[in-house]
Amino acid sequence: MSRSGFLRGTAAVLGAGATAGTSGCRPGDGDGDTARSADAEEPESPSFTDDGCERVTRMPAVTGPDVTTRFRMEATDLGAPAITPDGRILFVFGDTFEQAVVGGGFWRSPVGLYADPDRPLDDGIRWTGAVGGETAEQLVQYEHDEDPVSTILPGDVLTIDDTMYLWAMVNHGFGNVASTEIWTSTDSGQTWDRTAEMFPGDHLDGHCQQCTWALHPDDGHVYLLTTGFQRDKEAILQRVPAESILDPDAYQTWGREGEDGVWGADPVPVVEGEVGEMCLRIIDEKWVLTWFNAGEYRVDILSAEGPTSIARAQPLTLLHGGEWGQERNDTVAQLYGPYIVPGSTLEVLHLVCSQWQTGPDWPYHVEQFRFERPLEDVCGG
């Protein structure tokens, strides 16, 4: 499926879900403590074989029936993770429904789940609780309505000292990002405030909607890769002093004057192509980026010595997009949203990645993937 077809299907299905999302709800009935218990019945989903890339392991889903049922969230996507100030892992998800279908009641976005930071990633992600208590509640309350706000979607989460920052995209109709905001939490994600209105949707010609970010350990700046939400633009690089992260005027774009890279110049692309959801993290002193390469229908990765070196880095492919019924460990139908799980290394990297069959069928969920030596070209990228 092409990127444009995927996005059109997404918009159509979510539009239909706007009505269904307001229907009645029922209590959750699963235990949901682990990603998939040994005796849990698997929901219907396309099967895959084990003859994909031998250094890729497609692990059980981390959301869905019997996994996140007890949080009243059988259907959800994304899952941007960050270490909380109190040492847990918080994953922030996008459009979420109680039943295992898009539009399946009790529509929320974004929501958050906490994971056990001491559990080995190879054993799968274990949920210990939800933001909101027994039910995964919307981080900030607002009404889902086409006029003016259909949904607010997370971009990425960042922790600086005792404060967590969430980049959020305010949609006036799905895919029409009217503006961006930064939400903050000072209690490890248990409560959130819509702290700062940031940029209009057309800022930087629409290249400042989707975001991923990381704090430089030495120079005190937060570095951001930003692009459009529509998966039809390149990504650009920005930075802001950490103490000014809530001040839109403090942001600088990276561009060129002659042959030199310059902060404050008109932005130039640092990741080419049609870029979707991204995740930038510092791993073993390397700046590692994973992203949905929508134009090529795959998940790519690169590693750089620093943020301005990203443009010169050689990308490799982690996961290929595929057709339903023809999946393998490294080939996933309608994949998107690859986020690096805290605890990953350059030897063994874990991602959560979303999958949405844009139609009446399951799945709409998040899966966990394990990669050995992910920056070696072992999957035919």
Foldseek 3Di string as FASTA:
>chain_A
DALLVLVVLVQVLLVVLLVLAADDADAFDAPQFFQDDPPDDDDDAFDAAAPAQVQKFWFGFCAAPNNCRQQLFRFWDFFAWDQALVGWIKTWIAWTHRHQWRSNYNTAGIWIWTWDPPDDCVVHTTTDATQPGRYGHHQDDDRQDLVAFNTKYWQHWDDDNQKIKTKIFTDNRPQRGQFIFIWMDRPRSNHIDRDATAGGCCPLHNFAGHWEWDADPPDQKIKIWTGHASQFFATWIKIFRPVCPRPNVRIWTWDDDPPDIDTNDRTDGLGDARWHRKYWDQAPQWTKMWTQRSRQQFIKMWTDNDDVCSSVTDIATQAHEDDRNHHYSRYHHQKGNWHWDPPAHLQKTKTKIFHDDSDGDDDGGITMMIGGNRPDRRRVD
